[in-house]
PDB file of N, CA and C in Angstrom:
ATOM      1  N   MET A   1      30.712  54.894   2.927  1.00  0.00           N
ATOM      2  CA  MET A   1      31.955  55.314   2.910  1.00  0.00           C
ATOM      3  C   MET A   1      31.804  56.448   1.879  1.00  0.00           C
ATOM      4  N   THR A   2      32.508  57.721   2.116  1.00  0.00           N
ATOM      5  CA  THR A   2      32.614  58.697   1.050  1.00  0.00           C
ATOM      6  C   THR A   2      33.734  58.268  -0.016  1.00  0.00           C
ATOM      7  N   ARG A   3      33.912  58.973  -1.187  1.00  0.00           N
ATOM      8  CA  ARG A   3      34.872  58.739  -1.862  1.00  0.00           C
ATOM      9  C   ARG A   3      36.371  58.978  -1.290  1.00  0.00           C
ATOM     10  N   GLU A   4      36.413  59.817  -0.276  1.00  0.00           N
ATOM     11  CA  GLU A   4      37.525  60.194   0.104  1.00  0.00           C
ATOM     12  C   GLU A   4      38.079  59.193   1.389  1.00  0.00           C
ATOM     13  N   ASP A   5      37.137  58.488   1.938  1.00  0.00           N
ATOM     14  CA  ASP A   5      37.383  57.400   2.716  1.00  0.00           C
ATOM     15  C   ASP A   5      37.996  56.353   2.176  1.00  0.00           C
ATOM     16  N   ILE A   6      37.345  56.057   0.667  1.00  0.00           N
ATOM     17  CA  ILE A   6      37.566  54.775  -0.069  1.00  0.00           C
ATOM     18  C   ILE A   6      39.320  54.832  -0.438  1.00  0.00           C
ATOM     19  N   ILE A   7      39.377  56.235  -0.681  1.00  0.00           N
ATOM     20  CA  ILE A   7      41.011  56.193  -1.199  1.00  0.00           C
ATOM     21  C   ILE A   7      42.062  56.484   0.119  1.00  0.00           C
ATOM     22  N   LEU A   8      41.343  56.919   1.141  1.00  0.00           N
ATOM     23  CA  LEU A   8      41.958  56.744   2.326  1.00  0.00           C
ATOM     24  C   LEU A   8      42.483  55.184   2.789  1.00  0.00           C
ATOM     25  N   ALA A   9      40.996  54.541   2.466  1.00  0.00           N
ATOM     26  CA  ALA A   9      41.414  52.911   3.032  1.00  0.00           C
ATOM     27  C   ALA A   9      42.372  52.312   2.060  1.00  0.00           C
ATOM     28  N   VAL A  10      42.468  52.617   0.820  1.00  0.00           N
ATOM     29  CA  VAL A  10      43.076  52.026  -0.251  1.00  0.00           C
ATOM     30  C   VAL A  10      44.478  52.441  -0.249  1.00  0.00           C
ATOM     31  N   LYS A  11      44.936  53.756   0.329  1.00  0.00           N
ATOM     32  CA  LYS A  11      46.260  54.239   0.662  1.00  0.00           C
ATOM     33  C   LYS A  11      46.324  53.435   2.098  1.00  0.00           C
ATOM     34  N   ASP A  12      45.832  53.011   3.088  1.00  0.00           N
ATOM     35  CA  ASP A  12      46.038  52.301   4.222  1.00  0.00           C
ATOM     36  C   ASP A  12      46.467  51.009   4.067  1.00  0.00           C
ATOM     37  N   ILE A  13      45.948  50.290   3.262  1.00  0.00           N
ATOM     38  CA  ILE A  13      46.006  49.188   2.636  1.00  0.00           C
ATOM     39  C   ILE A  13      47.496  48.926   2.149  1.00  0.00           C
ATOM     40  N   ILE A  14      47.774  50.072   1.143  1.00  0.00           N
ATOM     41  CA  ILE A  14      48.991  49.838   0.462  1.00  0.00           C
ATOM     42  C   ILE A  14      49.920  50.174   1.264  1.00  0.00           C
ATOM     43  N   ASN A  15      49.811  51.092   2.483  1.00  0.00           N
ATOM     44  CA  ASN A  15      50.963  51.433   3.438  1.00  0.00           C
ATOM     45  C   ASN A  15      51.269  49.958   4.407  1.00  0.00           C
ATOM     46  N   THR A  16      50.225  49.157   4.302  1.00  0.00           N
ATOM     47  CA  THR A  16      50.231  47.983   5.270  1.00  0.00           C
ATOM     48  C   THR A  16      51.140  47.154   4.338  1.00  0.00           C
ATOM     49  N   ILE A  17      50.790  46.946   3.120  1.00  0.00           N
ATOM     50  CA  ILE A  17      51.720  45.748   2.558  1.00  0.00           C
ATOM     51  C   ILE A  17      52.806  46.177   1.772  1.00  0.00           C
ATOM     52  N   ALA A  18      53.184  47.700   1.845  1.00  0.00           N
ATOM     53  CA  ALA A  18      54.188  48.401   1.140  1.00  0.00           C
ATOM     54  C   ALA A  18      54.477  49.063   2.053  1.00  0.00           C
ATOM     55  N   PRO A  19      54.985  49.085   3.257  1.00  0.00           N
ATOM     56  CA  PRO A  19      55.411  50.165   4.188  1.00  0.00           C
ATOM     57  C   PRO A  19      56.337  51.369   3.694  1.00  0.00           C
ATOM     58  N   ASP A  20      57.360  50.988   2.856  1.00  0.00           N
ATOM     59  CA  ASP A  20      58.440  51.962   2.158  1.00  0.00           C
ATOM     60  C   ASP A  20      57.723  52.965   1.534  1.00  0.00           C
ATOM     61  N   GLU A  21      56.646  52.670   0.545  1.00  0.00           N
ATOM     62  CA  GLU A  21      56.033  53.495  -0.315  1.00  0.00           C
ATOM     63  C   GLU A  21      55.395  54.793   0.465  1.00  0.00           C
ATOM     64  N   ASP A  22      55.686  55.711  -0.210  1.00  0.00           N
ATOM     65  CA  ASP A  22      55.057  57.076   0.177  1.00  0.00           C
ATOM     66  C   ASP A  22      53.748  57.128  -0.476  1.00  0.00           C
ATOM     67  N   THR A  23      52.460  57.302  -0.008  1.00  0.00           N
ATOM     68  CA  THR A  23      51.304  57.466  -0.443  1.00  0.00           C
ATOM     69  C   THR A  23      50.712  58.580  -0.563  1.00  0.00           C
ATOM     70  N   SER A  24      51.332  59.493   0.314  1.00  0.00           N
ATOM     71  CA  SER A  24      51.014  60.971   0.396  1.00  0.00           C
ATOM     72  C   SER A  24      50.799  61.953  -0.825  1.00  0.00           C
ATOM     73  N   SER A  25      51.613  61.472  -1.722  1.00  0.00           N
ATOM     74  CA  SER A  25      51.586  62.216  -2.842  1.00  0.00           C
ATOM     75  C   SER A  25      51.126  61.652  -4.076  1.00  0.00           C
ATOM     76  N   LEU A  26      50.464  60.566  -3.940  1.00  0.00           N
ATOM     77  CA  LEU A  26      50.079  60.039  -5.074  1.00  0.00           C
ATOM     78  C   LEU A  26      49.073  60.567  -5.710  1.00  0.00           C
ATOM     79  N   ASN A  27      49.261  60.757  -7.394  1.00  0.00           N
ATOM     80  CA  ASN A  27      48.284  61.671  -8.049  1.00  0.00           C
ATOM     81  C   ASN A  27      47.184  60.296  -8.334  1.00  0.00           C
ATOM     82  N   GLU A  28      46.007  61.016  -7.799  1.00  0.00           N
ATOM     83  CA  GLU A  28      44.760  59.968  -7.769  1.00  0.00           C
ATOM     84  C   GLU A  28      44.207  59.569  -9.384  1.00  0.00           C
ATOM     85  N   ASP A  29      44.724  59.984 -10.449  1.00  0.00           N
ATOM     86  CA  ASP A  29      44.157  59.906 -11.795  1.00  0.00           C
ATOM     87  C   ASP A  29      45.301  59.028 -12.445  1.00  0.00           C
ATOM     88  N   GLU A  30      46.412  58.749 -11.938  1.00  0.00           N
ATOM     89  CA  GLU A  30      47.820  58.111 -12.267  1.00  0.00           C
ATOM     90  C   GLU A  30      47.796  56.523 -11.904  1.00  0.00           C
ATOM     91  N   ARG A  31      48.133  55.652 -12.736  1.00  0.00           N
ATOM     92  CA  ARG A  31      48.268  54.263 -12.252  1.00  0.00           C
ATOM     93  C   ARG A  31      49.129  53.972 -11.407  1.00  0.00           C
ATOM     94  N   LEU A  32      48.462  53.188 -10.330  1.00  0.00           N
ATOM     95  CA  LEU A  32      49.228  52.915  -9.227  1.00  0.00           C
ATOM     96  C   LEU A  32      50.826  52.252  -9.104  1.00  0.00           C
ATOM     97  N   ARG A  33      50.526  51.435 -10.187  1.00  0.00           N
ATOM     98  CA  ARG A  33      51.922  50.859 -10.729  1.00  0.00           C
ATOM     99  C   ARG A  33      53.056  51.613 -11.412  1.00  0.00           C
ATOM    100  N   ASP A  34      52.563  52.853 -11.945  1.00  0.00           N
ATOM    101  CA  ASP A  34      53.639  54.040 -12.723  1.00  0.00           C
ATOM    102  C   ASP A  34      54.054  54.817 -11.424  1.00  0.00           C
ATOM    103  N   GLN A  35      53.306  54.871 -10.263  1.00  0.00           N
ATOM    104  CA  GLN A  35      54.071  55.632  -9.287  1.00  0.00           C
ATOM    105  C   GLN A  35      54.489  55.125  -8.077  1.00  0.00           C
ATOM    106  N   ILE A  36      54.281  53.877  -7.804  1.00  0.00           N
ATOM    107  CA  ILE A  36      54.871  53.028  -6.633  1.00  0.00           C
ATOM    108  C   ILE A  36      55.302  51.829  -7.078  1.00  0.00           C
ATOM    109  N   GLU A  37      56.490  51.131  -6.445  1.00  0.00           N
ATOM    110  CA  GLU A  37      56.595  49.924  -6.694  1.00  0.00           C
ATOM    111  C   GLU A  37      55.776  48.755  -6.270  1.00  0.00           C
ATOM    112  N   LEU A  38      54.595  48.185  -6.937  1.00  0.00           N
ATOM    113  CA  LEU A  38      53.761  47.348  -6.644  1.00  0.00           C
ATOM    114  C   LEU A  38      54.139  46.287  -7.610  1.00  0.00           C
ATOM    115  N   ASP A  39      54.243  44.941  -7.086  1.00  0.00           N
ATOM    116  CA  ASP A  39      54.163  43.668  -8.076  1.00  0.00           C
ATOM    117  C   ASP A  39      53.037  43.035  -7.982  1.00  0.00           C
ATOM    118  N   SER A  40      52.659  42.126  -8.966  1.00  0.00           N
ATOM    119  CA  SER A  40      51.914  41.524  -8.834  1.00  0.00           C
ATOM    120  C   SER A  40      51.216  40.561  -7.795  1.00  0.00           C
ATOM    121  N   MET A  41      52.201  40.208  -6.867  1.00  0.00           N
ATOM    122  CA  MET A  41      51.768  39.845  -5.437  1.00  0.00           C
ATOM    123  C   MET A  41      51.466  40.899  -4.409  1.00  0.00           C
ATOM    124  N   ASP A  42      51.803  42.099  -4.498  1.00  0.00           N
ATOM    125  CA  ASP A  42      51.360  43.382  -4.019  1.00  0.00           C
ATOM    126  C   ASP A  42      50.013  43.741  -4.240  1.00  0.00           C
ATOM    127  N   PHE A  43      49.781  43.677  -5.727  1.00  0.00           N
ATOM    128  CA  PHE A  43      48.333  43.791  -6.013  1.00  0.00           C
ATOM    129  C   PHE A  43      47.606  43.004  -5.446  1.00  0.00           C
ATOM    130  N   LEU A  44      47.537  41.488  -5.515  1.00  0.00           N
ATOM    131  CA  LEU A  44      46.823  40.530  -5.042  1.00  0.00           C
ATOM    132  C   LEU A  44      46.469  40.648  -3.547  1.00  0.00           C
ATOM    133  N   ASP A  45      47.772  41.332  -2.763  1.00  0.00           N
ATOM    134  CA  ASP A  45      47.434  41.637  -1.486  1.00  0.00           C
ATOM    135  C   ASP A  45      46.659  42.509  -1.162  1.00  0.00           C
ATOM    136  N   ILE A  46      46.521  43.481  -2.066  1.00  0.00           N
ATOM    137  CA  ILE A  46      45.658  44.495  -1.829  1.00  0.00           C
ATOM    138  C   ILE A  46      44.121  44.118  -2.159  1.00  0.00           C
ATOM    139  N   VAL A  47      43.933  43.321  -3.060  1.00  0.00           N
ATOM    140  CA  VAL A  47      42.921  42.445  -3.275  1.00  0.00           C
ATOM    141  C   VAL A  47      42.349  41.919  -2.196  1.00  0.00           C
ATOM    142  N   MET A  48      43.286  40.970  -1.424  1.00  0.00           N
ATOM    143  CA  MET A  48      42.920  40.358  -0.515  1.00  0.00           C
ATOM    144  C   MET A  48      42.581  41.063   1.086  1.00  0.00           C
ATOM    145  N   GLU A  49      42.989  42.273   1.097  1.00  0.00           N
ATOM    146  CA  GLU A  49      43.202  42.973   2.131  1.00  0.00           C
ATOM    147  C   GLU A  49      41.572  43.520   2.104  1.00  0.00           C
ATOM    148  N   LEU A  50      41.179  43.669   0.861  1.00  0.00           N
ATOM    149  CA  LEU A  50      40.015  44.689   0.686  1.00  0.00           C
ATOM    150  C   LEU A  50      38.922  43.237   1.267  1.00  0.00           C
ATOM    151  N   ARG A  51      39.205  42.166   0.856  1.00  0.00           N
ATOM    152  CA  ARG A  51      38.280  41.294   1.097  1.00  0.00           C
ATOM    153  C   ARG A  51      38.233  41.110   2.736  1.00  0.00           C
ATOM    154  N   LYS A  52      39.093  41.086   3.352  1.00  0.00           N
ATOM    155  CA  LYS A  52      39.550  40.763   4.800  1.00  0.00           C
ATOM    156  C   LYS A  52      38.882  41.910   5.632  1.00  0.00           C
ATOM    157  N   ARG A  53      39.505  43.246   5.284  1.00  0.00           N
ATOM    158  CA  ARG A  53      38.654  44.427   6.165  1.00  0.00           C
ATOM    159  C   ARG A  53      37.435  44.882   5.988  1.00  0.00           C
ATOM    160  N   TYR A  54      37.089  44.605   4.497  1.00  0.00           N
ATOM    161  CA  TYR A  54      35.643  45.065   4.368  1.00  0.00           C
ATOM    162  C   TYR A  54      34.570  44.147   3.540  1.00  0.00           C
ATOM    163  N   GLY A  55      34.823  43.028   3.314  1.00  0.00           N
ATOM    164  CA  GLY A  55      34.134  42.132   2.757  1.00  0.00           C
ATOM    165  C   GLY A  55      33.976  41.956   1.292  1.00  0.00           C
ATOM    166  N   VAL A  56      34.816  42.764   0.680  1.00  0.00           N
ATOM    167  CA  VAL A  56      34.382  43.294  -0.880  1.00  0.00           C
ATOM    168  C   VAL A  56      35.143  42.207  -1.547  1.00  0.00           C
ATOM    169  N   GLN A  57      34.623  41.440  -2.668  1.00  0.00           N
ATOM    170  CA  GLN A  57      35.072  40.693  -3.437  1.00  0.00           C
ATOM    171  C   GLN A  57      35.222  41.313  -4.863  1.00  0.00           C
ATOM    172  N   VAL A  58      36.797  41.207  -5.310  1.00  0.00           N
ATOM    173  CA  VAL A  58      36.812  41.751  -6.618  1.00  0.00           C
ATOM    174  C   VAL A  58      37.456  40.735  -7.577  1.00  0.00           C
ATOM    175  N   PRO A  59      36.451  40.440  -8.506  1.00  0.00           N
ATOM    176  CA  PRO A  59      36.552  39.202  -9.476  1.00  0.00           C
ATOM    177  C   PRO A  59      37.927  39.333 -10.333  1.00  0.00           C
ATOM    178  N   GLU A  60      38.803  38.275 -10.387  1.00  0.00           N
ATOM    179  CA  GLU A  60      39.902  38.461 -11.209  1.00  0.00           C
ATOM    180  C   GLU A  60      39.883  39.412 -12.582  1.00  0.00           C
ATOM    181  N   GLU A  61      38.375  39.115 -13.108  1.00  0.00           N
ATOM    182  CA  GLU A  61      38.430  39.871 -14.504  1.00  0.00           C
ATOM    183  C   GLU A  61      38.194  41.428 -14.251  1.00  0.00           C
ATOM    184  N   GLU A  62      38.164  41.950 -13.021  1.00  0.00           N
ATOM    185  CA  GLU A  62      37.821  43.380 -12.872  1.00  0.00           C
ATOM    186  C   GLU A  62      38.794  43.859 -12.156  1.00  0.00           C
ATOM    187  N   TYR A  63      40.135  43.117 -11.961  1.00  0.00           N
ATOM    188  CA  TYR A  63      41.143  43.795 -11.322  1.00  0.00           C
ATOM    189  C   TYR A  63      41.905  45.160 -11.869  1.00  0.00           C
ATOM    190  N   GLY A  64      41.530  45.278 -13.102  1.00  0.00           N
ATOM    191  CA  GLY A  64      41.647  46.692 -13.946  1.00  0.00           C
ATOM    192  C   GLY A  64      41.147  47.779 -13.342  1.00  0.00           C
ATOM    193  N   GLU A  65      40.186  47.661 -12.549  1.00  0.00           N
ATOM    194  CA  GLU A  65      39.038  48.763 -12.375  1.00  0.00           C
ATOM    195  C   GLU A  65      39.837  49.562 -11.087  1.00  0.00           C
ATOM    196  N   LEU A  66      40.862  48.370 -10.508  1.00  0.00           N
ATOM    197  CA  LEU A  66      41.860  49.351  -9.374  1.00  0.00           C
ATOM    198  C   LEU A  66      43.128  49.845  -9.820  1.00  0.00           C
ATOM    199  N   ALA A  67      43.316  50.060 -10.875  1.00  0.00           N
ATOM    200  CA  ALA A  67      44.426  50.604 -11.561  1.00  0.00           C
ATOM    201  C   ALA A  67      45.100  51.572 -10.853  1.00  0.00           C
ATOM    202  N   SER A  68      43.953  52.883 -10.794  1.00  0.00           N
ATOM    203  CA  SER A  68      44.412  54.294  -9.861  1.00  0.00           C
ATOM    204  C   SER A  68      43.396  54.491  -8.935  1.00  0.00           C
ATOM    205  N   LEU A  69      43.726  55.515  -8.113  1.00  0.00           N
ATOM    206  CA  LEU A  69      43.033  55.664  -6.775  1.00  0.00           C
ATOM    207  C   LEU A  69      41.701  56.435  -7.047  1.00  0.00           C
ATOM    208  N   SER A  70      41.649  56.886  -8.177  1.00  0.00           N
ATOM    209  CA  SER A  70      40.184  57.402  -8.463  1.00  0.00           C
ATOM    210  C   SER A  70      39.384  56.198  -9.030  1.00  0.00           C
ATOM    211  N   SER A  71      39.944  55.283 -10.034  1.00  0.00           N
ATOM    212  CA  SER A  71      39.373  54.180 -10.426  1.00  0.00           C
ATOM    213  C   SER A  71      38.785  53.435  -9.039  1.00  0.00           C
ATOM    214  N   CYS A  72      39.649  53.089  -8.394  1.00  0.00           N
ATOM    215  CA  CYS A  72      39.415  52.354  -6.924  1.00  0.00           C
ATOM    216  C   CYS A  72      37.876  52.965  -6.542  1.00  0.00           C
ATOM    217  N   ALA A  73      38.175  54.274  -6.399  1.00  0.00           N
ATOM    218  CA  ALA A  73      36.882  54.645  -5.740  1.00  0.00           C
ATOM    219  C   ALA A  73      35.626  54.698  -6.360  1.00  0.00           C
ATOM    220  N   ALA A  74      35.750  54.930  -7.738  1.00  0.00           N
ATOM    221  CA  ALA A  74      34.526  54.787  -8.281  1.00  0.00           C
ATOM    222  C   ALA A  74      34.282  53.506  -8.559  1.00  0.00           C
ATOM    223  N   TYR A  75      35.094  52.459  -8.402  1.00  0.00           N
ATOM    224  CA  TYR A  75      34.440  50.939  -8.486  1.00  0.00           C
ATOM    225  C   TYR A  75      34.117  50.491  -7.321  1.00  0.00           C
ATOM    226  N   LEU A  76      34.854  50.975  -6.110  1.00  0.00           N
ATOM    227  CA  LEU A  76      34.661  50.381  -4.730  1.00  0.00           C
ATOM    228  C   LEU A  76      33.182  51.180  -4.105  1.00  0.00           C
ATOM    229  N   ALA A  77      32.802  52.262  -4.558  1.00  0.00           N
ATOM    230  CA  ALA A  77      31.744  52.943  -3.794  1.00  0.00           C
ATOM    231  C   ALA A  77      30.456  52.241  -3.487  1.00  0.00           C
ATOM    232  N   PRO A  78      30.127  51.592  -4.722  1.00  0.00           N
ATOM    233  CA  PRO A  78      28.601  50.948  -4.393  1.00  0.00           C
ATOM    234  C   PRO A  78      28.914  49.812  -3.558  1.00  0.00           C
ATOM    235  N   LYS A  79      29.993  48.981  -3.425  1.00  0.00           N
ATOM    236  CA  LYS A  79      30.504  48.012  -2.802  1.00  0.00           C
ATOM    237  C   LYS A  79      30.700  48.407  -1.422  1.00  0.00           C
ATOM    238  N   MET A  80      31.678  49.514  -1.203  1.00  0.00           N
ATOM    239  CA  MET A  80      31.763  49.978   0.618  1.00  0.00           C
ATOM    240  C   MET A  80      30.499  51.103   0.846  1.00  0.00           C
ATOM    241  N   GLN A  81      29.614  51.499   0.118  1.00  0.00           N
ATOM    242  CA  GLN A  81      28.856  52.273   0.649  1.00  0.00           C
ATOM    243  C   GLN A  81      28.304  52.448   2.221  1.00  0.00           C
ATOM    244  N   ASP A  82      28.114  51.183   2.625  1.00  0.00           N
ATOM    245  CA  ASP A  82      27.636  50.957   4.124  1.00  0.00           C
ATOM    246  C   ASP A  82      28.552  50.392   4.987  1.00  0.00           C
ATOM    247  N   LYS A  83      29.913  50.343   4.119  1.00  0.00           N
ATOM    248  CA  LYS A  83      30.999  50.095   5.387  1.00  0.00           C
ATOM    249  C   LYS A  83      31.658  51.121   5.931  1.00  0.00           C
ATOM    250  N   GLU A  84      32.377  50.774   7.151  1.00  0.00           N
ATOM    251  CA  GLU A  84      32.776  51.637   7.835  1.00  0.00           C
ATOM    252  C   GLU A  84      34.548  51.711   7.742  1.00  0.00           C
ATOM    253  N   LEU A  85      35.129  52.909   7.545  1.00  0.00           N
ATOM    254  CA  LEU A  85      36.750  53.118   7.467  1.00  0.00           C
ATOM    255  C   LEU A  85      37.280  52.217   8.666  1.00  0.00           C
ATOM    256  N   LYS A  86      38.153  51.207   8.090  1.00  0.00           N
ATOM    257  CA  LYS A  86      39.072  50.770   9.281  1.00  0.00           C
ATOM    258  C   LYS A  86      40.414  51.097   8.731  1.00  0.00           C
ATOM    259  N   VAL A  87      41.182  52.027   9.362  1.00  0.00           N
ATOM    260  CA  VAL A  87      42.489  52.575   9.162  1.00  0.00           C
ATOM    261  C   VAL A  87      43.553  51.883   9.920  1.00  0.00           C
ATOM    262  N   GLY A  88      44.457  51.373   9.447  1.00  0.00           N
ATOM    263  CA  GLY A  88      45.502  50.467  10.579  1.00  0.00           C
ATOM    264  C   GLY A  88      45.181  49.322  11.263  1.00  0.00           C
ATOM    265  N   SER A  89      44.544  48.742  10.357  1.00  0.00           N
ATOM    266  CA  SER A  89      43.964  47.074  10.916  1.00  0.00           C
ATOM    267  C   SER A  89      44.921  46.328  10.744  1.00  0.00           C
TER     268      SER A  89
END
């Protein structure tokens, strides 16, 4: 998966768990929680959805790596390089 695919995948997951949030104009370098309303449960849902859709395990001590779209892409790139994008799952 490319960097852009990973960002699209994360946005799609956010749209699934928080359908009222507009992800189209998110700043890739700004913390997600500073841009949209995500509580702790929403964040856990993102982590669970990554595991469900892509088989990616994110240990709790590494949750901080998913703070922004850019950091998500950097952290997930090696874990998702051989995965296929699944949008709207």
